Protein backbone atom coordinates (compact mmCIF):
# COMPACT_ATOMS: atom_id res chain seq x y z
CA MET A 1 44.53 -41.72 158.79
CA THR A 2 43.75 -45.19 157.71
CA GLN A 3 41.14 -46.36 155.36
CA ASP A 4 38.85 -49.14 156.29
CA ASN A 5 39.79 -51.02 153.16
CA GLY A 6 43.34 -49.75 152.82
CA PRO A 7 46.47 -51.87 152.54
CA TRP A 8 47.29 -51.22 156.19
CA ARG A 9 44.14 -52.82 157.42
CA GLY A 10 44.80 -56.04 159.38
CA GLN A 11 43.72 -59.47 158.28
CA PRO A 12 40.02 -60.05 158.73
CA ASP A 13 39.02 -62.16 161.68
CA PRO A 14 38.54 -65.80 160.66
CA GLU A 15 34.99 -66.89 160.41
CA PRO A 16 33.96 -69.41 163.02
CA ALA A 17 33.89 -72.98 161.79
CA PRO A 18 30.37 -73.98 160.89
CA ARG A 19 28.79 -76.33 163.29
CA ALA A 20 27.47 -79.61 162.14
CA PRO A 21 23.72 -79.50 161.65
CA ARG A 22 21.77 -80.95 164.50
CA HIS A 23 20.31 -83.72 162.37
CA ARG A 24 23.85 -84.85 161.47
CA VAL A 25 24.67 -85.21 165.15
CA VAL A 26 21.53 -87.28 165.62
CA ILE A 27 22.49 -89.50 162.69
CA TRP A 28 25.99 -89.96 164.12
CA LEU A 29 24.59 -90.90 167.53
CA ILE A 30 22.36 -93.46 165.84
CA VAL A 31 25.37 -94.89 164.00
CA LEU A 32 27.28 -95.11 167.29
CA ALA A 33 24.32 -96.88 168.86
CA VAL A 34 24.23 -99.37 165.97
CA ILE A 35 27.99 -100.02 166.35
CA ALA A 36 27.62 -100.55 170.09
CA GLY A 37 24.59 -102.79 169.59
CA GLY A 38 26.42 -104.82 166.95
CA ALA A 39 29.44 -105.28 169.22
CA TRP A 40 27.17 -106.35 172.09
CA LEU A 41 25.35 -108.80 169.81
CA LEU A 42 28.66 -110.30 168.65
CA PHE A 43 29.85 -110.76 172.23
CA GLN A 44 26.56 -112.42 173.16
CA THR A 45 26.54 -114.66 170.10
CA PHE A 46 30.20 -115.70 170.36
CA PRO A 47 31.01 -115.74 174.07
CA GLY A 48 34.56 -116.41 175.16
CA GLN A 49 36.13 -115.21 171.93
CA VAL A 50 37.77 -112.15 173.52
CA THR A 51 39.72 -113.53 176.45
CA SER A 52 43.28 -112.20 176.40
CA ALA A 53 44.57 -108.64 176.74
CA GLU A 54 45.66 -108.73 173.11
CA ASP A 55 42.14 -109.70 172.03
CA ARG A 56 40.65 -106.82 174.03
CA MET A 57 43.20 -104.41 172.55
CA TRP A 58 42.29 -105.39 168.99
CA ALA A 59 38.60 -105.13 169.79
CA MET A 60 39.08 -101.64 171.21
CA ARG A 61 41.14 -100.58 168.19
CA GLY A 62 38.45 -101.82 165.86
CA GLY A 63 35.76 -100.02 167.81
CA LEU A 64 37.69 -96.74 167.84
CA LEU A 65 38.35 -97.04 164.10
CA LEU A 66 34.64 -97.48 163.44
CA VAL A 67 33.84 -94.46 165.63
CA LEU A 68 36.36 -92.29 163.76
CA LEU A 69 35.08 -93.42 160.39
CA SER A 70 31.49 -92.83 161.38
CA ALA A 71 32.35 -89.26 162.49
CA GLY A 72 32.69 -88.42 158.82
CA VAL A 73 28.92 -88.08 158.70
CA LEU A 74 29.25 -84.80 160.58
CA ARG A 75 31.22 -83.13 157.74
CA ALA A 76 29.88 -85.03 154.76
CA GLY A 77 28.05 -83.32 151.94
CA PRO A 78 24.39 -83.75 151.25
CA ILE A 79 23.29 -87.26 152.12
CA ARG A 80 21.78 -89.11 149.21
CA TRP A 81 19.87 -91.76 151.09
CA GLY A 82 19.11 -93.88 148.02
CA GLU A 83 22.77 -94.05 147.05
CA LYS A 84 23.87 -94.81 150.61
CA ALA A 85 21.30 -97.58 150.90
CA ARG A 86 22.54 -99.08 147.63
CA HIS A 87 26.16 -98.99 148.80
CA ALA A 88 25.19 -100.55 152.13
CA ALA A 89 23.31 -103.33 150.34
CA ILE A 90 26.35 -104.03 148.14
CA TRP A 91 28.67 -104.28 151.15
CA ILE A 92 26.20 -106.49 153.01
CA ALA A 93 26.00 -108.79 149.97
CA ILE A 94 29.82 -108.93 149.71
CA CYS A 95 30.17 -109.80 153.40
CA ALA A 96 27.44 -112.44 153.09
CA VAL A 97 29.17 -114.05 150.09
CA LEU A 98 32.52 -114.08 151.91
CA ALA A 99 30.90 -115.59 155.01
CA VAL A 100 29.18 -118.32 152.99
CA GLY A 101 32.38 -119.01 151.05
CA PHE A 102 34.38 -119.36 154.28
CA THR A 103 31.72 -121.60 155.84
CA PHE A 104 31.57 -123.94 152.83
CA ARG A 105 35.24 -123.68 151.87
CA ASP A 106 35.71 -127.46 151.94
CA GLU A 107 32.71 -128.09 149.69
CA LEU A 108 33.78 -125.31 147.32
CA GLY A 109 37.28 -126.79 147.18
CA GLU A 110 35.75 -130.09 146.11
CA VAL A 111 33.76 -128.29 143.39
CA GLY A 112 37.01 -126.75 142.13
CA GLY A 113 38.65 -130.16 142.09
CA ARG A 114 35.76 -131.63 140.13
CA LEU A 115 35.90 -128.81 137.61
CA LYS A 116 39.65 -129.28 137.14
CA SER A 117 39.20 -133.02 136.74
CA GLU A 118 36.61 -132.48 134.00
CA LEU A 119 38.89 -130.10 132.11
CA SER A 120 42.12 -132.05 132.58
CA GLY A 121 41.15 -135.12 130.56
CA SER A 122 43.08 -138.19 131.70
CA TYR A 123 45.49 -136.25 133.90
CA PRO A 124 44.68 -136.89 137.58
CA VAL A 125 43.91 -133.87 139.77
CA ALA A 126 44.54 -133.53 143.49
CA ALA A 127 41.23 -133.81 145.37
CA GLY A 128 42.53 -133.59 148.92
CA ASP A 129 45.30 -134.75 151.17
CA ARG A 130 47.03 -137.66 149.38
CA GLN A 131 44.12 -138.19 147.01
CA LEU A 132 43.73 -137.93 143.24
CA VAL A 133 40.53 -137.79 141.20
CA VAL A 134 40.02 -138.85 137.59
CA ALA A 135 36.88 -138.00 135.59
CA GLU A 136 35.01 -140.71 133.74
CA ALA A 137 35.65 -140.84 129.99
CA GLU A 138 32.86 -140.35 127.48
CA GLY A 139 32.55 -144.03 126.69
CA GLY A 140 32.79 -145.05 130.34
CA GLY A 141 35.91 -146.26 132.06
CA TYR A 142 38.74 -144.20 133.47
CA PHE A 143 41.90 -143.20 131.69
CA VAL A 144 44.99 -142.03 133.57
CA THR A 145 48.03 -140.45 131.97
CA GLY A 146 51.11 -141.45 133.91
CA ARG A 147 54.83 -141.59 133.22
CA VAL A 148 56.88 -144.72 132.69
CA ASN A 149 60.61 -144.08 132.85
CA GLY A 150 59.79 -140.39 132.43
CA GLN A 151 57.71 -140.87 129.25
CA PRO A 152 53.94 -140.16 129.21
CA VAL A 153 51.72 -143.23 128.84
CA ARG A 154 47.92 -143.22 128.75
CA PHE A 155 46.50 -146.09 130.80
CA LEU A 156 43.02 -147.51 131.05
CA VAL A 157 42.32 -148.36 134.69
CA ASP A 158 41.37 -152.05 134.69
CA THR A 159 40.56 -153.73 138.00
CA GLY A 160 40.12 -157.02 136.11
CA SER A 161 43.76 -157.07 135.06
CA THR A 162 46.20 -158.55 137.52
CA ASP A 163 49.18 -156.87 135.87
CA THR A 164 49.96 -153.40 134.60
CA VAL A 165 50.23 -153.99 130.87
CA LEU A 166 52.04 -151.95 128.24
CA SER A 167 50.83 -152.02 124.67
CA PRO A 168 53.50 -152.86 122.07
CA ALA A 169 53.27 -149.29 120.72
CA ASP A 170 53.87 -147.74 124.15
CA ALA A 171 56.70 -150.19 124.84
CA GLN A 172 58.42 -149.16 121.62
CA ARG A 173 58.06 -145.47 122.52
CA LEU A 174 59.88 -146.28 125.77
CA GLY A 175 62.74 -147.83 123.81
CA VAL A 176 61.76 -151.44 124.46
CA ASP A 177 62.33 -153.75 121.49
CA PRO A 178 59.49 -156.33 121.46
CA GLY A 179 61.61 -158.55 119.22
CA ARG A 180 64.01 -159.19 122.08
CA LEU A 181 61.31 -160.08 124.61
CA ALA A 182 60.16 -163.57 125.53
CA PHE A 183 56.35 -163.68 125.48
CA THR A 184 56.03 -166.57 127.88
CA ARG A 185 53.22 -165.34 130.14
CA SER A 186 49.74 -166.38 129.13
CA ALA A 187 46.48 -164.79 130.22
CA GLU A 188 42.85 -165.37 129.37
CA THR A 189 41.25 -162.35 127.74
CA ALA A 190 37.90 -161.61 126.10
CA ASN A 191 39.52 -162.44 122.76
CA GLY A 192 41.03 -165.70 123.95
CA THR A 193 44.46 -166.52 125.31
CA GLY A 194 46.96 -163.67 125.14
CA TYR A 195 50.68 -163.64 125.70
CA GLY A 196 52.95 -161.13 127.33
CA ALA A 197 56.56 -160.59 128.28
CA PRO A 198 57.70 -159.58 131.79
CA PHE A 199 59.19 -156.11 131.98
CA VAL A 200 60.42 -154.04 134.93
CA ALA A 201 60.09 -150.27 134.55
CA GLY A 202 62.58 -148.14 136.40
CA SER A 203 59.77 -145.83 137.51
CA LEU A 204 56.02 -145.44 137.22
CA GLN A 205 54.50 -142.12 138.20
CA VAL A 206 50.83 -141.17 138.37
CA GLY A 207 50.55 -137.60 139.56
CA PRO A 208 52.55 -137.41 142.80
CA ILE A 209 52.43 -141.21 143.23
CA ALA A 210 55.85 -142.55 142.26
CA LEU A 211 56.86 -146.20 142.29
CA ALA A 212 60.33 -147.54 141.53
CA ASP A 213 61.17 -150.85 139.85
CA MET A 214 57.57 -151.42 138.82
CA PRO A 215 56.90 -154.89 137.35
CA MET A 216 54.83 -154.79 134.15
CA VAL A 217 53.92 -156.95 131.19
CA VAL A 218 54.42 -156.00 127.54
CA ASN A 219 51.54 -157.40 125.55
CA GLN A 220 52.32 -159.28 122.34
CA ALA A 221 49.16 -158.33 120.44
CA PRO A 222 48.31 -154.72 119.59
CA MET A 223 46.17 -152.85 122.14
CA THR A 224 44.11 -149.69 121.96
CA SER A 225 45.52 -148.60 125.34
CA SER A 226 47.90 -149.77 128.03
CA LEU A 227 46.29 -151.07 131.23
CA LEU A 228 46.78 -149.89 134.79
CA GLY A 229 46.01 -153.05 136.67
CA MET A 230 45.87 -154.38 140.21
CA SER A 231 49.66 -154.56 140.51
CA PHE A 232 49.48 -150.75 140.77
CA LEU A 233 46.10 -150.32 142.46
CA LYS A 234 46.98 -152.72 145.31
CA ARG A 235 49.82 -150.40 146.32
CA LEU A 236 47.32 -147.63 147.10
CA SER A 237 45.51 -147.15 150.38
CA ALA A 238 42.17 -147.12 148.57
CA PHE A 239 40.53 -146.65 145.21
CA GLN A 240 36.84 -146.16 144.64
CA VAL A 241 34.32 -144.76 142.18
CA ARG A 242 31.93 -142.05 143.38
CA GLY A 243 29.68 -140.02 141.13
CA HIS A 244 31.37 -140.89 137.83
CA ARG A 245 34.79 -140.14 139.29
CA LEU A 246 37.64 -142.39 140.31
CA TYR A 247 39.41 -141.52 143.57
CA LEU A 248 42.92 -142.80 144.19
CA THR A 249 44.23 -142.52 147.77
CA TRP A 250 47.80 -143.34 148.72
């Protein structure tokens, strides 16, 4: 004899897997219709984008992946429509922001360059291919920190100066002894006639712009700042002021 609930009773028959509720199937079919409609709309809006066999393969893979992911609605728990709508809105907003950012990537890159130029002080910032930007100083004018013989020097950009002029203080920092210079060059300044001594720097660097054997003038009288004059600016492709910023192109 065997008992119905005895230890010799066989394993109970597995219960049949529950079927997905009918409304879930309807929702899934609607999702599939939306995916198909979206794919059709993309093909109509951007014709000729899928031309090669590799393009078609990737499109099919993407479509199958979306179908598989959407099938999760058949086994998902209770659908909280408010939460799902909120998540969908977040993803739509993220995609919209990414699309706008990609569309205006050049303009946004310029905004980043402007921000860096404002925060960098007198150090020039790359603003594009072979172009530097310098922000206007508080009192007007444009100051550029370059390197003369490897030492940092803060220049005032002066289009009215023919030469690139070193102040006596900057010249001494570079190891130049003003007492051994011959101040034979005269120039008319706002304060009258000034005198300077010719000097050739082994290198002058402003950002990635590097010049060798750069002729300069060491001023005899004290100066508040060294001057970056036309002897440097003429070696550039262009220099111009736009919107309180100085652009140097080489």
